Amino acid sequence: MNWLTRGRDETFRDRRQAGEALAGRLADYRDRADVIVLGLVRGGVPVAAAVARGLGVPLDVLVVRKLGVPWAPEVAFGALGPGGVRVLNPGIVDRLEQRDIEPVVSRESTEVVRRERVYRPGRPPLDLTGKTAIVVDDGLATGATARAAVEVARSIGAAGVILAAPVGSPEALDLLRESADQVVCPRAPHDFGAVSRFYEDFHQVTDGEVSALLAEAAAG
């Protein structure tokens, strides 16, 4: 089932309030031992933290870097995830030269490793084997990164992947229904514009904020 309310553009106070509202749409997953909530770094993590808290399930992060075509970065030829996971889009990557691919992969691989070190110090790589993963972002404009996240989650063992966000464009949601097992998004106005317009506070989330939220969740 997809939760969609079209034509509404009320704003959330902040990402935490948005996550609390989103948790209500995910009540079927409350207190389930097989469920884990994954925030997309960085903006999705405060939303995911509120979702995980509301559902009484663990919180973690999913570090995903979209591999954009050099002259059209919004077009993804693939994505990178933790532990060297690489997901490629054959329809696009097959049209690129290796000299176009390698610099992008190298740059984004470095960033995945950096973020994993920051957010997962002393912890093993993310393993989703047998888990139902609820992948959370703060909003879905094009859906490209979220779609890559769904594929990365599957590639590291997720038995099912739910994509959840407080707000998204109808076009992004149509795209994501093709890859996720379920899409949960309470607001999908036709005149979407930008994610930021749906938040009163849409500050840039820092590495420190992400680490603090993970530490808080781990402490229970």
N, C-alpha and C. Protein backbone atom coordinates (compact mmCIF):
# COMPACT_ATOMS: atom_id res chain seq x y z
N MET A 1 0.85 -1.19 0.00
CA MET A 1 0.00 0.00 0.00
C MET A 1 0.88 1.24 0.00
N ASN A 2 0.48 2.23 -0.79
CA ASN A 2 1.20 3.50 -0.79
C ASN A 2 0.31 4.57 -0.16
N TRP A 3 0.86 5.27 0.84
CA TRP A 3 0.11 6.32 1.53
C TRP A 3 0.41 7.64 0.82
N LEU A 4 -0.58 8.18 0.13
CA LEU A 4 -0.37 9.42 -0.60
C LEU A 4 -1.49 10.39 -0.28
N THR A 5 -1.14 11.61 0.00
CA THR A 5 -2.13 12.67 0.15
C THR A 5 -1.72 13.77 -0.80
N ARG A 6 -2.38 13.87 -1.92
CA ARG A 6 -1.97 14.81 -2.95
C ARG A 6 -2.59 16.19 -2.72
N GLY A 7 -1.86 17.19 -3.18
CA GLY A 7 -2.39 18.53 -3.15
C GLY A 7 -2.21 19.27 -1.84
N ARG A 8 -1.50 18.69 -0.88
CA ARG A 8 -1.27 19.34 0.40
C ARG A 8 0.18 19.80 0.48
N ASP A 9 0.39 20.98 1.04
CA ASP A 9 1.76 21.45 1.15
C ASP A 9 2.03 22.09 2.51
N GLU A 10 1.36 21.58 3.57
CA GLU A 10 1.64 22.08 4.91
C GLU A 10 3.10 21.82 5.25
N THR A 11 3.66 22.70 6.05
CA THR A 11 5.06 22.53 6.41
C THR A 11 5.19 21.81 7.74
N PHE A 12 6.31 21.10 7.89
CA PHE A 12 6.68 20.51 9.16
C PHE A 12 7.54 21.52 9.92
N ARG A 13 7.49 21.46 11.23
CA ARG A 13 8.34 22.35 12.02
C ARG A 13 9.81 22.04 11.76
N ASP A 14 10.16 20.75 11.79
CA ASP A 14 11.54 20.32 11.56
C ASP A 14 11.52 18.85 11.19
N ARG A 15 12.70 18.26 11.01
CA ARG A 15 12.78 16.87 10.59
C ARG A 15 12.26 15.92 11.66
N ARG A 16 12.45 16.28 12.92
CA ARG A 16 11.96 15.42 14.00
C ARG A 16 10.44 15.32 13.96
N GLN A 17 9.76 16.43 13.82
CA GLN A 17 8.30 16.39 13.75
C GLN A 17 7.84 15.59 12.53
N ALA A 18 8.57 15.77 11.42
CA ALA A 18 8.22 15.02 10.21
C ALA A 18 8.36 13.52 10.45
N GLY A 19 9.42 13.13 11.16
CA GLY A 19 9.61 11.71 11.46
C GLY A 19 8.54 11.16 12.39
N GLU A 20 8.12 11.96 13.33
CA GLU A 20 7.06 11.51 14.25
C GLU A 20 5.76 11.27 13.49
N ALA A 21 5.47 12.17 12.54
CA ALA A 21 4.28 11.99 11.71
C ALA A 21 4.41 10.75 10.83
N LEU A 22 5.61 10.55 10.31
CA LEU A 22 5.84 9.40 9.42
C LEU A 22 5.72 8.09 10.19
N ALA A 23 6.17 8.06 11.43
CA ALA A 23 6.08 6.85 12.24
C ALA A 23 4.64 6.38 12.36
N GLY A 24 3.70 7.33 12.41
CA GLY A 24 2.30 6.95 12.50
C GLY A 24 1.82 6.19 11.28
N ARG A 25 2.43 6.46 10.15
CA ARG A 25 2.07 5.75 8.90
C ARG A 25 2.72 4.37 8.81
N LEU A 26 3.64 4.11 9.73
CA LEU A 26 4.40 2.85 9.69
C LEU A 26 4.08 1.97 10.88
N ALA A 27 2.92 2.15 11.47
CA ALA A 27 2.56 1.46 12.71
C ALA A 27 2.60 -0.06 12.59
N ASP A 28 2.40 -0.58 11.40
CA ASP A 28 2.42 -2.04 11.21
C ASP A 28 3.79 -2.63 11.52
N TYR A 29 4.83 -1.80 11.55
CA TYR A 29 6.19 -2.30 11.78
C TYR A 29 6.66 -2.08 13.21
N ARG A 30 5.77 -1.64 14.08
CA ARG A 30 6.15 -1.33 15.46
C ARG A 30 6.53 -2.59 16.22
N ASP A 31 7.65 -2.49 16.96
CA ASP A 31 8.12 -3.55 17.88
C ASP A 31 8.38 -4.88 17.18
N ARG A 32 8.75 -4.84 15.91
CA ARG A 32 9.08 -6.07 15.18
C ARG A 32 10.58 -6.33 15.22
N ALA A 33 10.94 -7.55 15.60
CA ALA A 33 12.36 -7.89 15.77
C ALA A 33 13.11 -7.92 14.45
N ASP A 34 12.40 -8.06 13.33
CA ASP A 34 13.08 -8.17 12.03
C ASP A 34 13.20 -6.83 11.32
N VAL A 35 12.80 -5.74 11.97
CA VAL A 35 12.76 -4.43 11.31
C VAL A 35 13.91 -3.56 11.78
N ILE A 36 14.52 -2.83 10.85
CA ILE A 36 15.53 -1.83 11.17
C ILE A 36 15.25 -0.59 10.34
N VAL A 37 15.42 0.58 10.94
CA VAL A 37 15.23 1.85 10.24
C VAL A 37 16.60 2.39 9.85
N LEU A 38 16.73 2.77 8.58
CA LEU A 38 17.99 3.28 8.05
C LEU A 38 17.79 4.70 7.54
N GLY A 39 18.52 5.64 8.13
CA GLY A 39 18.47 7.01 7.66
C GLY A 39 19.47 7.24 6.55
N LEU A 40 19.04 7.93 5.51
CA LEU A 40 19.97 8.29 4.45
C LEU A 40 20.76 9.51 4.91
N VAL A 41 22.05 9.39 4.84
CA VAL A 41 22.95 10.43 5.32
C VAL A 41 22.95 11.60 4.33
N ARG A 42 22.84 12.85 4.85
CA ARG A 42 22.71 13.15 6.26
C ARG A 42 21.28 13.53 6.62
N GLY A 43 20.59 14.23 5.72
CA GLY A 43 19.30 14.81 6.06
C GLY A 43 18.23 13.83 6.49
N GLY A 44 18.34 12.58 6.04
CA GLY A 44 17.33 11.60 6.41
C GLY A 44 17.47 11.07 7.82
N VAL A 45 18.62 11.29 8.45
CA VAL A 45 18.87 10.66 9.75
C VAL A 45 18.00 11.23 10.87
N PRO A 46 17.84 12.55 11.01
CA PRO A 46 16.93 13.04 12.06
C PRO A 46 15.50 12.55 11.89
N VAL A 47 15.04 12.43 10.65
CA VAL A 47 13.71 11.88 10.39
C VAL A 47 13.67 10.41 10.81
N ALA A 48 14.69 9.67 10.40
CA ALA A 48 14.75 8.24 10.71
C ALA A 48 14.84 7.99 12.21
N ALA A 49 15.56 8.86 12.93
CA ALA A 49 15.69 8.70 14.38
C ALA A 49 14.32 8.78 15.05
N ALA A 50 13.50 9.73 14.60
CA ALA A 50 12.15 9.86 15.16
C ALA A 50 11.28 8.67 14.78
N VAL A 51 11.45 8.17 13.57
CA VAL A 51 10.69 6.98 13.13
C VAL A 51 11.07 5.77 13.98
N ALA A 52 12.37 5.54 14.13
CA ALA A 52 12.83 4.39 14.91
C ALA A 52 12.36 4.47 16.35
N ARG A 53 12.41 5.66 16.93
CA ARG A 53 11.96 5.86 18.31
C ARG A 53 10.46 5.56 18.42
N GLY A 54 9.69 6.04 17.44
CA GLY A 54 8.25 5.82 17.47
C GLY A 54 7.85 4.37 17.27
N LEU A 55 8.66 3.63 16.53
CA LEU A 55 8.35 2.23 16.25
C LEU A 55 8.98 1.27 17.26
N GLY A 56 9.93 1.77 18.04
CA GLY A 56 10.61 0.90 18.99
C GLY A 56 11.51 -0.12 18.32
N VAL A 57 12.19 0.30 17.25
CA VAL A 57 13.09 -0.59 16.51
C VAL A 57 14.45 0.09 16.37
N PRO A 58 15.49 -0.67 16.01
CA PRO A 58 16.84 -0.10 15.91
C PRO A 58 16.98 0.93 14.80
N LEU A 59 17.93 1.83 15.01
CA LEU A 59 18.28 2.85 14.02
C LEU A 59 19.71 2.63 13.56
N ASP A 60 19.92 2.79 12.26
CA ASP A 60 21.27 2.81 11.71
C ASP A 60 21.26 3.76 10.52
N VAL A 61 22.39 3.89 9.89
CA VAL A 61 22.47 4.76 8.71
C VAL A 61 22.85 3.94 7.49
N LEU A 62 22.42 4.41 6.35
CA LEU A 62 22.81 3.80 5.09
C LEU A 62 23.56 4.86 4.29
N VAL A 63 24.85 4.62 4.13
CA VAL A 63 25.69 5.54 3.37
C VAL A 63 25.62 5.15 1.91
N VAL A 64 25.01 5.98 1.11
CA VAL A 64 24.85 5.72 -0.31
C VAL A 64 25.34 6.95 -1.08
N ARG A 65 26.13 6.71 -2.09
CA ARG A 65 26.59 7.79 -2.96
C ARG A 65 26.18 7.47 -4.39
N LYS A 66 25.39 8.35 -4.94
CA LYS A 66 24.97 8.19 -6.33
C LYS A 66 26.16 8.41 -7.25
N LEU A 67 26.26 7.61 -8.30
CA LEU A 67 27.29 7.78 -9.33
C LEU A 67 26.66 8.52 -10.50
N GLY A 68 26.96 9.80 -10.59
CA GLY A 68 26.33 10.62 -11.63
C GLY A 68 27.17 10.70 -12.88
N VAL A 69 26.50 10.73 -14.01
CA VAL A 69 27.19 10.94 -15.29
C VAL A 69 27.91 12.29 -15.21
N PRO A 70 29.22 12.35 -15.55
CA PRO A 70 30.00 13.57 -15.34
C PRO A 70 29.38 14.84 -15.90
N TRP A 71 28.79 14.78 -17.09
CA TRP A 71 28.24 15.98 -17.71
C TRP A 71 26.74 16.14 -17.41
N ALA A 72 26.18 15.20 -16.65
CA ALA A 72 24.77 15.30 -16.23
C ALA A 72 24.64 14.60 -14.88
N PRO A 73 25.15 15.22 -13.81
CA PRO A 73 25.24 14.57 -12.50
C PRO A 73 23.92 14.07 -11.94
N GLU A 74 22.81 14.67 -12.39
CA GLU A 74 21.51 14.22 -11.89
C GLU A 74 21.11 12.87 -12.45
N VAL A 75 21.79 12.43 -13.51
CA VAL A 75 21.52 11.12 -14.11
C VAL A 75 22.49 10.10 -13.50
N ALA A 76 21.94 9.11 -12.83
CA ALA A 76 22.78 8.13 -12.13
C ALA A 76 23.10 6.94 -13.03
N PHE A 77 24.39 6.61 -13.14
CA PHE A 77 24.75 5.36 -13.82
C PHE A 77 24.95 4.24 -12.81
N GLY A 78 24.78 4.56 -11.54
CA GLY A 78 24.90 3.54 -10.49
C GLY A 78 24.98 4.18 -9.13
N ALA A 79 25.35 3.37 -8.15
CA ALA A 79 25.49 3.86 -6.78
C ALA A 79 26.48 3.00 -6.03
N LEU A 80 27.07 3.59 -5.00
CA LEU A 80 27.99 2.87 -4.13
C LEU A 80 27.40 2.81 -2.73
N GLY A 81 27.67 1.69 -2.05
CA GLY A 81 27.24 1.54 -0.67
C GLY A 81 28.37 1.03 0.19
N PRO A 82 28.10 0.74 1.45
CA PRO A 82 29.15 0.30 2.37
C PRO A 82 29.72 -1.05 1.99
N GLY A 83 30.95 -1.29 2.41
CA GLY A 83 31.58 -2.58 2.17
C GLY A 83 31.93 -2.85 0.73
N GLY A 84 32.06 -1.79 -0.07
CA GLY A 84 32.42 -1.98 -1.47
C GLY A 84 31.28 -2.36 -2.38
N VAL A 85 30.05 -2.27 -1.89
CA VAL A 85 28.89 -2.61 -2.72
C VAL A 85 28.75 -1.61 -3.86
N ARG A 86 28.56 -2.13 -5.06
CA ARG A 86 28.38 -1.27 -6.23
C ARG A 86 27.18 -1.77 -7.02
N VAL A 87 26.27 -0.88 -7.30
CA VAL A 87 25.09 -1.18 -8.10
C VAL A 87 25.15 -0.32 -9.34
N LEU A 88 25.09 -0.94 -10.52
CA LEU A 88 25.20 -0.20 -11.77
C LEU A 88 23.91 -0.29 -12.58
N ASN A 89 23.64 0.75 -13.32
CA ASN A 89 22.50 0.80 -14.22
C ASN A 89 23.00 0.48 -15.62
N PRO A 90 22.80 -0.77 -16.07
CA PRO A 90 23.38 -1.18 -17.36
C PRO A 90 22.96 -0.29 -18.53
N GLY A 91 21.73 0.17 -18.53
CA GLY A 91 21.24 0.98 -19.63
C GLY A 91 22.00 2.28 -19.81
N ILE A 92 22.64 2.76 -18.75
CA ILE A 92 23.40 4.01 -18.82
C ILE A 92 24.89 3.75 -18.83
N VAL A 93 25.36 2.89 -17.93
CA VAL A 93 26.80 2.68 -17.80
C VAL A 93 27.39 2.07 -19.07
N ASP A 94 26.61 1.30 -19.78
CA ASP A 94 27.12 0.68 -21.01
C ASP A 94 27.41 1.70 -22.10
N ARG A 95 26.89 2.91 -21.94
CA ARG A 95 27.12 3.96 -22.94
C ARG A 95 28.27 4.89 -22.56
N LEU A 96 28.90 4.61 -21.43
CA LEU A 96 29.98 5.47 -20.94
C LEU A 96 31.33 4.82 -21.19
N GLU A 97 32.34 5.64 -21.34
CA GLU A 97 33.71 5.16 -21.44
C GLU A 97 34.28 4.97 -20.04
N GLN A 98 35.24 4.05 -19.92
CA GLN A 98 35.85 3.81 -18.61
C GLN A 98 36.50 5.06 -18.05
N ARG A 99 37.05 5.88 -18.91
CA ARG A 99 37.69 7.13 -18.45
C ARG A 99 36.67 8.10 -17.85
N ASP A 100 35.39 7.95 -18.21
CA ASP A 100 34.34 8.77 -17.62
C ASP A 100 33.89 8.20 -16.27
N ILE A 101 33.93 6.89 -16.17
CA ILE A 101 33.42 6.21 -14.98
C ILE A 101 34.40 6.27 -13.81
N GLU A 102 35.67 6.01 -14.09
CA GLU A 102 36.65 5.82 -13.01
C GLU A 102 36.79 7.01 -12.07
N PRO A 103 36.87 8.27 -12.56
CA PRO A 103 37.01 9.39 -11.60
C PRO A 103 35.81 9.53 -10.67
N VAL A 104 34.63 9.27 -11.19
CA VAL A 104 33.42 9.39 -10.37
C VAL A 104 33.40 8.30 -9.30
N VAL A 105 33.71 7.08 -9.70
CA VAL A 105 33.73 5.96 -8.74
C VAL A 105 34.79 6.21 -7.68
N SER A 106 35.97 6.67 -8.09
CA SER A 106 37.04 6.92 -7.13
C SER A 106 36.65 7.99 -6.12
N ARG A 107 36.09 9.08 -6.60
CA ARG A 107 35.70 10.18 -5.71
C ARG A 107 34.62 9.74 -4.73
N GLU A 108 33.60 9.08 -5.23
CA GLU A 108 32.49 8.69 -4.37
C GLU A 108 32.87 7.54 -3.43
N SER A 109 33.77 6.67 -3.87
CA SER A 109 34.26 5.59 -2.99
C SER A 109 34.97 6.17 -1.78
N THR A 110 35.77 7.20 -2.03
CA THR A 110 36.49 7.87 -0.93
C THR A 110 35.50 8.46 0.07
N GLU A 111 34.42 9.04 -0.44
CA GLU A 111 33.44 9.66 0.45
C GLU A 111 32.65 8.61 1.23
N VAL A 112 32.34 7.48 0.61
CA VAL A 112 31.67 6.39 1.34
C VAL A 112 32.53 5.92 2.50
N VAL A 113 33.81 5.70 2.24
CA VAL A 113 34.73 5.24 3.28
C VAL A 113 34.83 6.28 4.40
N ARG A 114 34.92 7.55 4.02
CA ARG A 114 35.02 8.60 5.04
C ARG A 114 33.80 8.62 5.94
N ARG A 115 32.64 8.54 5.32
CA ARG A 115 31.41 8.61 6.11
C ARG A 115 31.22 7.36 6.97
N GLU A 116 31.59 6.22 6.44
CA GLU A 116 31.50 5.00 7.25
C GLU A 116 32.39 5.10 8.49
N ARG A 117 33.58 5.67 8.32
CA ARG A 117 34.48 5.83 9.47
C ARG A 117 33.90 6.77 10.51
N VAL A 118 33.25 7.82 10.03
CA VAL A 118 32.66 8.81 10.94
C VAL A 118 31.47 8.23 11.69
N TYR A 119 30.59 7.52 10.98
CA TYR A 119 29.33 7.08 11.57
C TYR A 119 29.37 5.68 12.17
N ARG A 120 30.41 4.90 11.83
CA ARG A 120 30.45 3.52 12.30
C ARG A 120 31.79 3.19 12.96
N PRO A 121 32.26 4.05 13.85
CA PRO A 121 33.57 3.78 14.48
C PRO A 121 33.51 2.55 15.38
N GLY A 122 34.38 1.59 15.07
CA GLY A 122 34.43 0.39 15.90
C GLY A 122 33.29 -0.57 15.71
N ARG A 123 32.42 -0.31 14.74
CA ARG A 123 31.29 -1.21 14.49
C ARG A 123 31.49 -1.95 13.18
N PRO A 124 30.95 -3.16 13.07
CA PRO A 124 31.09 -3.92 11.83
C PRO A 124 30.28 -3.31 10.71
N PRO A 125 30.57 -3.69 9.46
CA PRO A 125 29.78 -3.19 8.33
C PRO A 125 28.31 -3.56 8.49
N LEU A 126 27.47 -2.76 7.91
CA LEU A 126 26.03 -2.99 7.96
C LEU A 126 25.68 -4.30 7.28
N ASP A 127 24.92 -5.15 7.98
CA ASP A 127 24.47 -6.43 7.43
C ASP A 127 22.95 -6.50 7.62
N LEU A 128 22.22 -6.55 6.51
CA LEU A 128 20.76 -6.54 6.57
C LEU A 128 20.15 -7.91 6.32
N THR A 129 20.93 -8.95 6.41
CA THR A 129 20.44 -10.30 6.09
C THR A 129 19.19 -10.63 6.88
N GLY A 130 18.12 -10.95 6.16
CA GLY A 130 16.86 -11.34 6.78
C GLY A 130 16.05 -10.20 7.36
N LYS A 131 16.52 -8.97 7.23
CA LYS A 131 15.83 -7.83 7.82
C LYS A 131 14.87 -7.16 6.85
N THR A 132 13.83 -6.56 7.41
CA THR A 132 13.00 -5.63 6.66
C THR A 132 13.55 -4.24 6.93
N ALA A 133 14.08 -3.61 5.92
CA ALA A 133 14.73 -2.31 6.06
C ALA A 133 13.77 -1.20 5.67
N ILE A 134 13.57 -0.26 6.60
CA ILE A 134 12.79 0.94 6.30
C ILE A 134 13.79 2.05 6.02
N VAL A 135 13.95 2.39 4.76
CA VAL A 135 14.91 3.41 4.33
C VAL A 135 14.20 4.76 4.35
N VAL A 136 14.76 5.71 5.12
CA VAL A 136 14.09 6.98 5.36
C VAL A 136 14.92 8.15 4.85
N ASP A 137 14.26 9.07 4.15
CA ASP A 137 14.89 10.32 3.76
C ASP A 137 13.97 11.46 4.17
N ASP A 138 14.49 12.70 4.13
CA ASP A 138 13.67 13.83 4.56
C ASP A 138 12.75 14.34 3.47
N GLY A 139 12.95 13.90 2.24
CA GLY A 139 12.09 14.27 1.14
C GLY A 139 12.60 13.66 -0.15
N LEU A 140 11.71 13.54 -1.11
CA LEU A 140 12.05 12.88 -2.37
C LEU A 140 11.73 13.82 -3.52
N ALA A 141 12.78 14.40 -4.08
CA ALA A 141 12.59 15.31 -5.20
C ALA A 141 12.58 14.55 -6.52
N THR A 142 13.72 13.93 -6.87
CA THR A 142 13.79 13.12 -8.09
C THR A 142 13.67 11.63 -7.79
N GLY A 143 14.04 11.22 -6.58
CA GLY A 143 14.00 9.81 -6.21
C GLY A 143 15.22 9.02 -6.61
N ALA A 144 16.20 9.65 -7.27
CA ALA A 144 17.35 8.91 -7.79
C ALA A 144 18.20 8.32 -6.68
N THR A 145 18.52 9.11 -5.66
CA THR A 145 19.35 8.61 -4.57
C THR A 145 18.60 7.56 -3.76
N ALA A 146 17.32 7.80 -3.52
CA ALA A 146 16.52 6.84 -2.77
C ALA A 146 16.41 5.51 -3.51
N ARG A 147 16.28 5.57 -4.82
CA ARG A 147 16.21 4.33 -5.59
C ARG A 147 17.53 3.58 -5.49
N ALA A 148 18.62 4.31 -5.55
CA ALA A 148 19.92 3.67 -5.39
C ALA A 148 20.03 3.04 -4.01
N ALA A 149 19.50 3.71 -3.00
CA ALA A 149 19.54 3.18 -1.63
C ALA A 149 18.77 1.88 -1.52
N VAL A 150 17.65 1.79 -2.19
CA VAL A 150 16.86 0.55 -2.19
C VAL A 150 17.68 -0.60 -2.75
N GLU A 151 18.36 -0.34 -3.86
CA GLU A 151 19.16 -1.40 -4.49
C GLU A 151 20.35 -1.79 -3.62
N VAL A 152 20.97 -0.81 -2.97
CA VAL A 152 22.09 -1.11 -2.08
C VAL A 152 21.61 -1.94 -0.90
N ALA A 153 20.47 -1.58 -0.31
CA ALA A 153 19.93 -2.34 0.82
C ALA A 153 19.67 -3.80 0.42
N ARG A 154 19.13 -4.00 -0.75
CA ARG A 154 18.89 -5.38 -1.21
C ARG A 154 20.21 -6.13 -1.38
N SER A 155 21.22 -5.43 -1.90
CA SER A 155 22.49 -6.08 -2.20
C SER A 155 23.24 -6.49 -0.94
N ILE A 156 22.88 -5.90 0.22
CA ILE A 156 23.53 -6.32 1.48
C ILE A 156 22.56 -7.11 2.35
N GLY A 157 21.60 -7.77 1.68
CA GLY A 157 20.85 -8.82 2.34
C GLY A 157 19.44 -8.54 2.77
N ALA A 158 18.92 -7.33 2.59
CA ALA A 158 17.57 -7.02 3.07
C ALA A 158 16.54 -7.95 2.44
N ALA A 159 15.67 -8.50 3.29
CA ALA A 159 14.61 -9.37 2.79
C ALA A 159 13.47 -8.55 2.19
N GLY A 160 13.32 -7.33 2.66
CA GLY A 160 12.31 -6.42 2.14
C GLY A 160 12.76 -5.00 2.37
N VAL A 161 12.38 -4.10 1.47
CA VAL A 161 12.79 -2.70 1.59
C VAL A 161 11.57 -1.80 1.45
N ILE A 162 11.33 -1.02 2.51
CA ILE A 162 10.27 -0.02 2.51
C ILE A 162 10.94 1.33 2.38
N LEU A 163 10.49 2.16 1.47
CA LEU A 163 11.04 3.50 1.30
C LEU A 163 10.04 4.47 1.91
N ALA A 164 10.49 5.27 2.87
CA ALA A 164 9.59 6.18 3.58
C ALA A 164 10.15 7.59 3.62
N ALA A 165 9.30 8.56 3.39
CA ALA A 165 9.68 9.97 3.47
C ALA A 165 8.45 10.79 3.80
N PRO A 166 8.60 11.90 4.49
CA PRO A 166 7.44 12.72 4.83
C PRO A 166 6.76 13.37 3.63
N VAL A 167 7.56 13.67 2.60
CA VAL A 167 7.03 14.37 1.44
C VAL A 167 7.82 13.97 0.21
N GLY A 168 7.16 13.95 -0.93
CA GLY A 168 7.85 13.60 -2.17
C GLY A 168 7.06 14.06 -3.38
N SER A 169 7.75 14.16 -4.49
CA SER A 169 7.07 14.52 -5.73
C SER A 169 6.37 13.28 -6.28
N PRO A 170 5.23 13.46 -6.93
CA PRO A 170 4.55 12.31 -7.53
C PRO A 170 5.45 11.53 -8.49
N GLU A 171 6.32 12.25 -9.22
CA GLU A 171 7.21 11.58 -10.17
C GLU A 171 8.21 10.67 -9.45
N ALA A 172 8.76 11.16 -8.33
CA ALA A 172 9.71 10.35 -7.57
C ALA A 172 9.03 9.11 -7.00
N LEU A 173 7.82 9.27 -6.52
CA LEU A 173 7.12 8.13 -5.95
C LEU A 173 6.79 7.09 -7.01
N ASP A 174 6.43 7.54 -8.20
CA ASP A 174 6.18 6.59 -9.30
C ASP A 174 7.45 5.79 -9.60
N LEU A 175 8.60 6.48 -9.61
CA LEU A 175 9.87 5.81 -9.86
C LEU A 175 10.18 4.78 -8.78
N LEU A 176 9.95 5.15 -7.54
CA LEU A 176 10.34 4.28 -6.42
C LEU A 176 9.43 3.08 -6.28
N ARG A 177 8.20 3.18 -6.71
CA ARG A 177 7.32 2.01 -6.65
C ARG A 177 7.83 0.86 -7.50
N GLU A 178 8.68 1.19 -8.47
CA GLU A 178 9.23 0.15 -9.34
C GLU A 178 10.31 -0.67 -8.65
N SER A 179 10.91 -0.13 -7.57
CA SER A 179 12.03 -0.83 -6.94
C SER A 179 11.77 -1.21 -5.49
N ALA A 180 11.08 -0.38 -4.72
CA ALA A 180 10.83 -0.69 -3.32
C ALA A 180 9.63 -1.63 -3.19
N ASP A 181 9.60 -2.38 -2.10
CA ASP A 181 8.44 -3.25 -1.84
C ASP A 181 7.23 -2.44 -1.41
N GLN A 182 7.49 -1.29 -0.79
CA GLN A 182 6.41 -0.41 -0.36
C GLN A 182 6.95 1.01 -0.30
N VAL A 183 6.12 1.96 -0.67
CA VAL A 183 6.48 3.37 -0.57
C VAL A 183 5.48 4.03 0.38
N VAL A 184 6.00 4.69 1.41
CA VAL A 184 5.15 5.36 2.39
C VAL A 184 5.51 6.84 2.38
N CYS A 185 4.57 7.66 1.94
CA CYS A 185 4.83 9.10 1.81
C CYS A 185 3.51 9.84 1.96
N PRO A 186 3.28 10.48 3.10
CA PRO A 186 1.98 11.09 3.36
C PRO A 186 1.66 12.32 2.54
N ARG A 187 2.66 12.98 1.95
CA ARG A 187 2.39 14.19 1.19
C ARG A 187 3.08 14.13 -0.17
N ALA A 188 2.29 14.30 -1.22
CA ALA A 188 2.84 14.26 -2.58
C ALA A 188 2.14 15.30 -3.44
N PRO A 189 2.38 16.59 -3.19
CA PRO A 189 1.72 17.64 -3.97
C PRO A 189 2.23 17.70 -5.40
N HIS A 190 1.33 18.02 -6.30
CA HIS A 190 1.72 18.09 -7.71
C HIS A 190 2.69 19.24 -7.97
N ASP A 191 2.53 20.34 -7.25
CA ASP A 191 3.44 21.47 -7.42
C ASP A 191 4.58 21.36 -6.40
N PHE A 192 5.35 20.30 -6.50
CA PHE A 192 6.30 19.94 -5.45
C PHE A 192 7.37 21.01 -5.21
N GLY A 193 8.07 21.42 -6.23
CA GLY A 193 9.12 22.42 -6.06
C GLY A 193 10.37 21.81 -5.45
N ALA A 194 10.66 22.13 -4.18
CA ALA A 194 11.86 21.63 -3.50
C ALA A 194 11.48 21.09 -2.12
N VAL A 195 12.29 20.17 -1.61
CA VAL A 195 12.03 19.58 -0.31
C VAL A 195 11.99 20.65 0.78
N SER A 196 12.87 21.63 0.69
CA SER A 196 13.00 22.64 1.74
C SER A 196 11.72 23.42 2.00
N ARG A 197 10.86 23.54 1.01
CA ARG A 197 9.65 24.36 1.19
C ARG A 197 8.67 23.72 2.17
N PHE A 198 8.89 22.46 2.50
CA PHE A 198 7.97 21.76 3.40
C PHE A 198 8.46 21.74 4.84
N TYR A 199 9.53 22.47 5.12
CA TYR A 199 10.09 22.53 6.46
C TYR A 199 10.31 23.98 6.88
N GLU A 200 9.92 24.31 8.11
CA GLU A 200 10.27 25.61 8.66
C GLU A 200 11.77 25.65 8.98
N ASP A 201 12.28 24.56 9.54
CA ASP A 201 13.71 24.43 9.83
C ASP A 201 14.27 23.34 8.94
N PHE A 202 15.09 23.75 7.96
CA PHE A 202 15.69 22.78 7.04
C PHE A 202 17.20 23.04 6.98
N HIS A 203 17.81 23.10 8.16
CA HIS A 203 19.25 23.37 8.22
C HIS A 203 20.03 22.18 7.67
N GLN A 204 21.26 22.42 7.26
CA GLN A 204 22.11 21.36 6.77
C GLN A 204 22.57 20.51 7.95
N VAL A 205 22.26 19.23 7.91
CA VAL A 205 22.60 18.31 9.00
C VAL A 205 24.11 18.04 8.94
N THR A 206 24.75 18.08 10.10
CA THR A 206 26.20 17.89 10.17
C THR A 206 26.55 16.45 10.54
N ASP A 207 27.81 16.09 10.32
CA ASP A 207 28.30 14.78 10.75
C ASP A 207 28.11 14.61 12.26
N GLY A 208 28.38 15.68 13.02
CA GLY A 208 28.23 15.61 14.46
C GLY A 208 26.81 15.32 14.89
N GLU A 209 25.84 15.92 14.21
CA GLU A 209 24.43 15.68 14.53
C GLU A 209 24.06 14.22 14.25
N VAL A 210 24.53 13.69 13.14
CA VAL A 210 24.25 12.30 12.80
C VAL A 210 24.85 11.37 13.85
N SER A 211 26.10 11.60 14.23
CA SER A 211 26.75 10.75 15.22
C SER A 211 26.03 10.83 16.56
N ALA A 212 25.57 12.01 16.94
CA ALA A 212 24.86 12.17 18.21
C ALA A 212 23.54 11.41 18.21
N LEU A 213 22.83 11.44 17.10
CA LEU A 213 21.56 10.71 17.00
C LEU A 213 21.78 9.21 17.06
N LEU A 214 22.84 8.72 16.43
CA LEU A 214 23.15 7.30 16.48
C LEU A 214 23.53 6.88 17.90
N ALA A 215 24.30 7.70 18.58
CA ALA A 215 24.71 7.39 19.95
C ALA A 215 23.51 7.37 20.88
N GLU A 216 22.60 8.32 20.69
CA GLU A 216 21.38 8.39 21.50
C GLU A 216 20.52 7.16 21.29
N ALA A 217 20.38 6.73 20.02
CA ALA A 217 19.57 5.55 19.72
C ALA A 217 20.20 4.30 20.31
N ALA A 218 21.53 4.19 20.23
CA ALA A 218 22.22 3.02 20.76
C ALA A 218 22.11 2.91 22.28
N ALA A 219 22.03 4.09 22.92
CA ALA A 219 21.93 4.11 24.38
C ALA A 219 20.52 3.76 24.86
N GLY A 220 19.59 3.77 23.93
CA GLY A 220 18.22 3.41 24.27
C GLY A 220 17.46 4.54 24.93
